[in-house]
Amino acid sequence: MAALEANDADKAAAVCAEDVAIELPGGENELEGREGARRLIRMAPPFVRLVREEKVEGNVVILRGLTRSPGHFANYTTWTFETDGNLITHVTFTWRPAN
């Protein structure tokens, strides 16, 4: 999340496994590998993110909060990061309109 906030594509890729799978909302598109992680960071518009809840279940981290693009939309967002214990192997996120 720090890499996303800083718009640092290389930092995001560095915490991901070589074969990380990133599912975009709606499940129709997926980004793969570290280059996919870089693409996600590069294509993300400027957001304000407020993480309000964090839950760790073994190698899974679930973050819930608010994602807002000023002047455009606000969503309640759930991010799920699966890891191998060290690197992120799978990412999903879902949005639910907040306004």
C-alpha atoms as a PDB file:
ATOM      1  CA  MET A   1       0.000   0.000   0.000  1.00  0.00           C
ATOM      2  CA  ALA A   2       2.923   2.343   0.677  1.00  0.00           C
ATOM      3  CA  ALA A   3       4.179   1.739  -2.870  1.00  0.00           C
ATOM      4  CA  LEU A   4       0.729   2.542  -4.237  1.00  0.00           C
ATOM      5  CA  GLU A   5       0.518   5.732  -2.183  1.00  0.00           C
ATOM      6  CA  ALA A   6       3.979   6.787  -3.372  1.00  0.00           C
ATOM      7  CA  ASN A   7       3.203   5.784  -6.977  1.00  0.00           C
ATOM      8  CA  ASP A   8       6.402   3.691  -6.834  1.00  0.00           C
ATOM      9  CA  ALA A   9       5.980   0.885  -9.370  1.00  0.00           C
ATOM     10  CA  ASP A  10       9.372  -0.692  -8.662  1.00  0.00           C
ATOM     11  CA  LYS A  11       8.723  -0.789  -4.909  1.00  0.00           C
ATOM     12  CA  ALA A  12       5.388  -2.532  -5.542  1.00  0.00           C
ATOM     13  CA  ALA A  13       7.023  -5.094  -7.833  1.00  0.00           C
ATOM     14  CA  ALA A  14       9.774  -5.766  -5.279  1.00  0.00           C
ATOM     15  CA  VAL A  15       7.288  -7.152  -2.735  1.00  0.00           C
ATOM     16  CA  CYS A  16       5.603  -9.411  -5.304  1.00  0.00           C
ATOM     17  CA  ALA A  17       6.479 -12.928  -6.421  1.00  0.00           C
ATOM     18  CA  GLU A  18       7.658 -13.332 -10.029  1.00  0.00           C
ATOM     19  CA  ASP A  19       4.320 -14.963 -10.921  1.00  0.00           C
ATOM     20  CA  VAL A  20       1.992 -12.740  -8.863  1.00  0.00           C
ATOM     21  CA  ALA A  21      -1.607 -12.654 -10.127  1.00  0.00           C
ATOM     22  CA  ILE A  22      -3.568  -9.419  -9.672  1.00  0.00           C
ATOM     23  CA  GLU A  23      -7.312  -9.616 -10.276  1.00  0.00           C
ATOM     24  CA  LEU A  24      -8.914  -6.317 -11.185  1.00  0.00           C
ATOM     25  CA  PRO A  25     -12.425  -5.493  -9.918  1.00  0.00           C
ATOM     26  CA  GLY A  26     -15.101  -7.379 -11.811  1.00  0.00           C
ATOM     27  CA  GLY A  27     -12.799 -10.362 -12.309  1.00  0.00           C
ATOM     28  CA  GLU A  28     -12.674  -9.832 -16.076  1.00  0.00           C
ATOM     29  CA  ASN A  29      -9.076  -8.667 -16.228  1.00  0.00           C
ATOM     30  CA  GLU A  30      -5.940  -9.905 -14.568  1.00  0.00           C
ATOM     31  CA  LEU A  31      -2.413  -8.569 -14.445  1.00  0.00           C
ATOM     32  CA  GLU A  32       0.403 -11.058 -14.090  1.00  0.00           C
ATOM     33  CA  GLY A  33       3.960 -10.990 -12.831  1.00  0.00           C
ATOM     34  CA  ARG A  34       6.014  -8.159 -11.473  1.00  0.00           C
ATOM     35  CA  GLU A  35       5.481  -6.162 -14.647  1.00  0.00           C
ATOM     36  CA  GLY A  36       1.731  -6.476 -13.993  1.00  0.00           C
ATOM     37  CA  ALA A  37       2.276  -5.025 -10.520  1.00  0.00           C
ATOM     38  CA  ARG A  38       4.185  -2.120 -12.076  1.00  0.00           C
ATOM     39  CA  ARG A  39       1.371  -1.555 -14.601  1.00  0.00           C
ATOM     40  CA  LEU A  40      -1.226  -1.469 -11.816  1.00  0.00           C
ATOM     41  CA  ILE A  41       0.675   1.268  -9.991  1.00  0.00           C
ATOM     42  CA  ARG A  42       1.265   3.270 -13.179  1.00  0.00           C
ATOM     43  CA  MET A  43      -2.395   3.168 -14.265  1.00  0.00           C
ATOM     44  CA  ALA A  44      -3.895   3.959 -10.843  1.00  0.00           C
ATOM     45  CA  PRO A  45      -5.345   7.483 -10.725  1.00  0.00           C
ATOM     46  CA  PRO A  46      -4.542   9.691  -7.741  1.00  0.00           C
ATOM     47  CA  PHE A  47      -6.513   8.345  -4.804  1.00  0.00           C
ATOM     48  CA  VAL A  48      -6.985   9.069  -1.173  1.00  0.00           C
ATOM     49  CA  ARG A  49      -6.985   5.743   0.706  1.00  0.00           C
ATOM     50  CA  LEU A  50      -8.010   5.283   4.302  1.00  0.00           C
ATOM     51  CA  VAL A  51      -7.446   1.792   5.681  1.00  0.00           C
ATOM     52  CA  ARG A  52      -9.871   1.303   8.541  1.00  0.00           C
ATOM     53  CA  GLU A  53      -9.499  -2.405   9.244  1.00  0.00           C
ATOM     54  CA  GLU A  54      -6.630  -4.856   8.881  1.00  0.00           C
ATOM     55  CA  LYS A  55      -6.952  -8.600   9.392  1.00  0.00           C
ATOM     56  CA  VAL A  56      -4.220 -11.231   9.096  1.00  0.00           C
ATOM     57  CA  GLU A  57      -5.173 -14.874   8.620  1.00  0.00           C
ATOM     58  CA  GLY A  58      -2.026 -16.967   8.180  1.00  0.00           C
ATOM     59  CA  ASN A  59      -0.483 -15.825   4.896  1.00  0.00           C
ATOM     60  CA  VAL A  60      -3.477 -13.670   3.920  1.00  0.00           C
ATOM     61  CA  VAL A  61      -3.813  -9.964   4.726  1.00  0.00           C
ATOM     62  CA  ILE A  62      -7.188  -8.283   4.280  1.00  0.00           C
ATOM     63  CA  LEU A  63      -7.451  -4.498   4.334  1.00  0.00           C
ATOM     64  CA  ARG A  64     -10.781  -2.678   4.331  1.00  0.00           C
ATOM     65  CA  GLY A  65     -11.248   1.019   3.934  1.00  0.00           C
ATOM     66  CA  LEU A  66     -12.271   3.906   1.751  1.00  0.00           C
ATOM     67  CA  THR A  67     -10.812   4.740  -1.648  1.00  0.00           C
ATOM     68  CA  ARG A  68     -11.657   8.171  -2.982  1.00  0.00           C
ATOM     69  CA  SER A  69     -10.667   9.906  -6.175  1.00  0.00           C
ATOM     70  CA  PRO A  70     -11.360  13.564  -5.368  1.00  0.00           C
ATOM     71  CA  GLY A  71     -14.071  14.991  -7.594  1.00  0.00           C
ATOM     72  CA  HIS A  72     -14.874  11.594  -9.120  1.00  0.00           C
ATOM     73  CA  PHE A  73     -15.994   8.789  -6.796  1.00  0.00           C
ATOM     74  CA  ALA A  74     -15.699   7.180  -3.406  1.00  0.00           C
ATOM     75  CA  ASN A  75     -15.719   3.426  -2.782  1.00  0.00           C
ATOM     76  CA  TYR A  76     -15.533   1.112   0.169  1.00  0.00           C
ATOM     77  CA  THR A  77     -12.668  -1.140  -0.821  1.00  0.00           C
ATOM     78  CA  THR A  78     -11.479  -4.548   0.325  1.00  0.00           C
ATOM     79  CA  TRP A  79      -7.934  -5.521  -0.649  1.00  0.00           C
ATOM     80  CA  THR A  80      -6.831  -9.132  -0.174  1.00  0.00           C
ATOM     81  CA  PHE A  81      -3.143 -10.008  -0.381  1.00  0.00           C
ATOM     82  CA  GLU A  82      -2.092 -13.652  -0.370  1.00  0.00           C
ATOM     83  CA  THR A  83       1.577 -14.348   0.282  1.00  0.00           C
ATOM     84  CA  ASP A  84       4.006 -17.231   0.362  1.00  0.00           C
ATOM     85  CA  GLY A  85       5.174 -15.911   3.721  1.00  0.00           C
ATOM     86  CA  ASN A  86       7.553 -13.396   2.142  1.00  0.00           C
ATOM     87  CA  LEU A  87       6.209 -12.129  -1.188  1.00  0.00           C
ATOM     88  CA  ILE A  88       2.739 -11.326  -2.481  1.00  0.00           C
ATOM     89  CA  THR A  89       1.451 -14.102  -4.755  1.00  0.00           C
ATOM     90  CA  HIS A  90      -2.166 -13.068  -5.387  1.00  0.00           C
ATOM     91  CA  VAL A  91      -4.075  -9.778  -5.064  1.00  0.00           C
ATOM     92  CA  THR A  92      -7.775  -9.067  -5.338  1.00  0.00           C
ATOM     93  CA  PHE A  93      -9.716  -5.944  -4.574  1.00  0.00           C
ATOM     94  CA  THR A  94     -13.390  -5.171  -4.650  1.00  0.00           C
ATOM     95  CA  TRP A  95     -15.229  -1.883  -4.628  1.00  0.00           C
ATOM     96  CA  ARG A  96     -18.647  -0.944  -3.306  1.00  0.00           C
ATOM     97  CA  PRO A  97     -19.930   2.585  -3.983  1.00  0.00           C
ATOM     98  CA  ALA A  98     -19.817   4.881  -0.985  1.00  0.00           C
ATOM     99  CA  ASN A  99     -21.764   7.778  -2.474  1.00  0.00           C
END
